[in-house]
Amino acid sequence: MRADANEIYRRYLSAVMLHGHAGARACALGATDLYALNILQLSGAMSPGELAERTGLTTGPTTRLIDRLEQAGYVRRAPDPGDRRKVVVEPVGEPAELDRVLAPARQRVGEILAGYTPEQLDVLFDYFTRAARAYHEAADDLRGADTER
C-alpha cells in the first residue's frame, strides 16, 4: 500500500465534504439539510423518527430540518400509508436548483470516470459499495457505544 494512501483518502473525503457544504450554502440549505435530503432521495419516504435516527439528530432539530426542507419545496409531509395517524417525509420531485448547483462537480467527476476502463470502473464501484457498507456499520457501532455510556 502507498505510504501516503491515508492522506490521499482524507483529502478526497475532505473535498467531498467541502463541496457538499458549499453546494448546500449555494441553495440556502445547511449541510445537514442536504445530507437529510440525500438520505430521503436514496431511501424514499420515511418517518420523522427514522430520519432523525439516520441523520443522528434528536426530534426537535429533525422537526426544524423537515420544516426547512418543506418550506424550500424539497420534501412534504404525507399520511403514512400503513397508519393514517402518522406521517412520513417524502422527497418532492427533483430538486432543480440543487441539481444546477451540483452539476459542475458531477460533470467533472463524470469526465474522470470516463477515463477508466470498464474493469477499473467495476473495481471502483465495488469499493464504493463495500466502503459505504463499512461506514454504515461503523456508524452503527459508534451509535451503540453512545448508548452504552
Protein backbone atom coordinates (compact mmCIF):
# COMPACT_ATOMS: atom_id res chain seq x y z
CA MET A 1 0.00 0.00 0.00
CA ARG A 2 1.19 3.52 -0.74
CA ALA A 3 2.72 5.35 2.21
CA ASP A 4 0.54 8.40 1.52
CA ALA A 5 -2.72 6.48 0.89
CA ASN A 6 -4.29 7.63 4.16
CA GLU A 7 -3.53 11.27 3.39
CA ILE A 8 -4.82 11.00 -0.18
CA TYR A 9 -8.04 9.40 1.03
CA ARG A 10 -8.52 12.00 3.76
CA ARG A 11 -8.01 14.81 1.22
CA TYR A 12 -10.64 13.20 -1.02
CA LEU A 13 -13.18 12.93 1.81
CA SER A 14 -12.43 16.50 2.86
CA ALA A 15 -13.00 17.76 -0.69
CA VAL A 16 -16.32 15.90 -0.94
CA MET A 17 -17.47 17.37 2.37
CA LEU A 18 -16.30 20.87 1.41
CA HIS A 19 -18.22 20.65 -1.85
CA GLY A 20 -21.32 19.41 -0.05
CA HIS A 21 -21.18 22.33 2.36
CA ALA A 22 -20.64 24.83 -0.48
CA GLY A 23 -23.47 23.29 -2.52
CA ALA A 24 -25.84 23.40 0.44
CA ARG A 25 -24.94 27.02 1.15
CA ALA A 26 -25.47 27.95 -2.52
CA CYS A 27 -29.03 26.61 -2.20
CA ALA A 28 -29.65 28.31 1.15
CA LEU A 29 -29.53 24.95 2.94
CA GLY A 30 -27.43 23.71 5.81
CA ALA A 31 -25.07 20.79 5.32
CA THR A 32 -27.31 18.58 7.47
CA ASP A 33 -30.32 19.64 5.36
CA LEU A 34 -28.51 18.48 2.23
CA TYR A 35 -27.47 15.25 3.93
CA ALA A 36 -31.05 14.54 5.03
CA LEU A 37 -32.37 15.29 1.55
CA ASN A 38 -29.85 12.87 0.09
CA ILE A 39 -30.98 10.18 2.54
CA LEU A 40 -34.61 10.72 1.52
CA GLN A 41 -33.81 10.68 -2.20
CA LEU A 42 -31.81 7.45 -1.86
CA SER A 43 -34.13 5.64 0.57
CA GLY A 44 -37.54 7.12 -0.13
CA ALA A 45 -40.21 8.24 2.29
CA MET A 46 -39.64 7.59 5.97
CA SER A 47 -40.99 8.63 9.32
CA PRO A 48 -39.54 11.69 11.02
CA GLY A 49 -38.19 9.34 13.70
CA GLU A 50 -36.34 7.24 11.15
CA LEU A 51 -34.93 10.38 9.53
CA ALA A 52 -33.77 11.55 12.97
CA GLU A 53 -32.04 8.23 13.53
CA ARG A 54 -30.41 8.26 10.08
CA THR A 55 -29.12 11.83 10.48
CA GLY A 56 -28.12 11.46 14.12
CA LEU A 57 -30.37 14.33 15.19
CA THR A 58 -32.81 14.44 18.08
CA THR A 59 -36.52 15.02 17.44
CA GLY A 60 -36.54 18.82 17.88
CA PRO A 61 -33.79 19.57 15.35
CA THR A 62 -35.28 16.97 13.00
CA THR A 63 -38.65 18.74 13.07
CA ARG A 64 -36.94 22.05 12.24
CA LEU A 65 -34.93 20.36 9.47
CA ILE A 66 -38.12 18.94 7.93
CA ASP A 67 -39.77 22.36 8.23
CA ARG A 68 -36.85 23.99 6.33
CA LEU A 69 -36.85 21.35 3.59
CA GLU A 70 -40.63 21.56 3.27
CA GLN A 71 -40.58 25.36 3.10
CA ALA A 72 -37.88 25.18 0.40
CA GLY A 73 -40.08 22.79 -1.59
CA TYR A 74 -37.78 19.75 -1.38
CA VAL A 75 -39.99 17.48 0.78
CA ARG A 76 -43.53 17.15 2.03
CA ARG A 77 -45.22 15.50 4.95
CA ALA A 78 -47.77 12.90 3.89
CA PRO A 79 -50.01 10.45 5.75
CA ASP A 80 -48.27 7.14 6.44
CA PRO A 81 -49.96 4.60 4.13
CA GLY A 82 -49.70 1.96 6.87
CA ASP A 83 -51.10 4.12 9.67
CA ARG A 84 -53.01 7.29 8.74
CA ARG A 85 -52.44 8.72 12.24
CA LYS A 86 -48.71 9.02 11.45
CA VAL A 87 -46.82 10.97 8.81
CA VAL A 88 -43.90 10.23 6.56
CA VAL A 89 -41.49 12.67 4.97
CA GLU A 90 -41.03 12.19 1.25
CA PRO A 91 -38.92 13.96 -1.36
CA VAL A 92 -40.84 16.09 -3.85
CA GLY A 93 -39.70 15.72 -7.44
CA GLU A 94 -36.20 16.57 -8.49
CA PRO A 95 -34.53 19.50 -6.72
CA ALA A 96 -33.74 21.56 -9.84
CA GLU A 97 -31.79 24.29 -8.03
CA LEU A 98 -29.69 21.74 -6.19
CA ASP A 99 -29.06 19.79 -9.39
CA ARG A 100 -27.98 23.01 -11.11
CA VAL A 101 -25.56 23.88 -8.31
CA LEU A 102 -24.04 20.39 -8.12
CA ALA A 103 -23.91 19.77 -11.89
CA PRO A 104 -20.39 21.19 -12.49
CA ALA A 105 -18.78 18.80 -9.99
CA ARG A 106 -20.82 15.88 -11.29
CA GLN A 107 -19.67 16.70 -14.83
CA ARG A 108 -16.01 16.89 -13.75
CA VAL A 109 -16.23 13.59 -11.90
CA GLY A 110 -18.01 12.05 -14.89
CA GLU A 111 -15.10 13.14 -17.11
CA ILE A 112 -12.65 11.50 -14.70
CA LEU A 113 -14.68 8.27 -14.65
CA ALA A 114 -14.85 8.26 -18.45
CA GLY A 115 -11.06 7.78 -18.45
CA TYR A 116 -11.29 4.42 -16.71
CA THR A 117 -11.76 1.05 -18.36
CA PRO A 118 -14.94 -0.94 -17.61
CA GLU A 119 -12.84 -3.27 -15.42
CA GLN A 120 -11.41 -0.33 -13.44
CA LEU A 121 -14.91 1.08 -13.01
CA ASP A 122 -16.08 -2.28 -11.69
CA VAL A 123 -13.33 -2.12 -9.04
CA LEU A 124 -14.17 1.50 -8.16
CA PHE A 125 -17.89 0.82 -7.81
CA ASP A 126 -17.23 -2.35 -5.85
CA TYR A 127 -15.09 -0.27 -3.50
CA PHE A 128 -17.76 2.46 -3.16
CA THR A 129 -20.42 -0.16 -2.37
CA ARG A 130 -18.31 -2.02 0.16
CA ALA A 131 -16.89 1.14 1.77
CA ALA A 132 -20.38 2.62 2.16
CA ARG A 133 -21.47 -0.55 3.95
CA ALA A 134 -18.36 -0.42 6.18
CA TYR A 135 -19.03 3.22 7.10
CA HIS A 136 -22.69 2.46 7.89
CA GLU A 137 -21.65 -0.45 10.11
CA ALA A 138 -19.02 1.68 11.85
CA ALA A 139 -21.58 4.44 12.43
CA ASP A 140 -23.98 1.87 13.90
CA ASP A 141 -21.17 0.67 16.18
CA LEU A 142 -20.48 4.25 17.31
CA ARG A 143 -24.17 4.88 17.97
CA GLY A 144 -24.28 1.69 20.01
CA ALA A 145 -21.27 2.85 22.01
CA ASP A 146 -23.09 6.14 22.71
CA THR A 147 -26.00 4.29 24.31
CA GLU A 148 -23.67 2.15 26.43
CA ARG A 149 -22.05 5.16 28.10
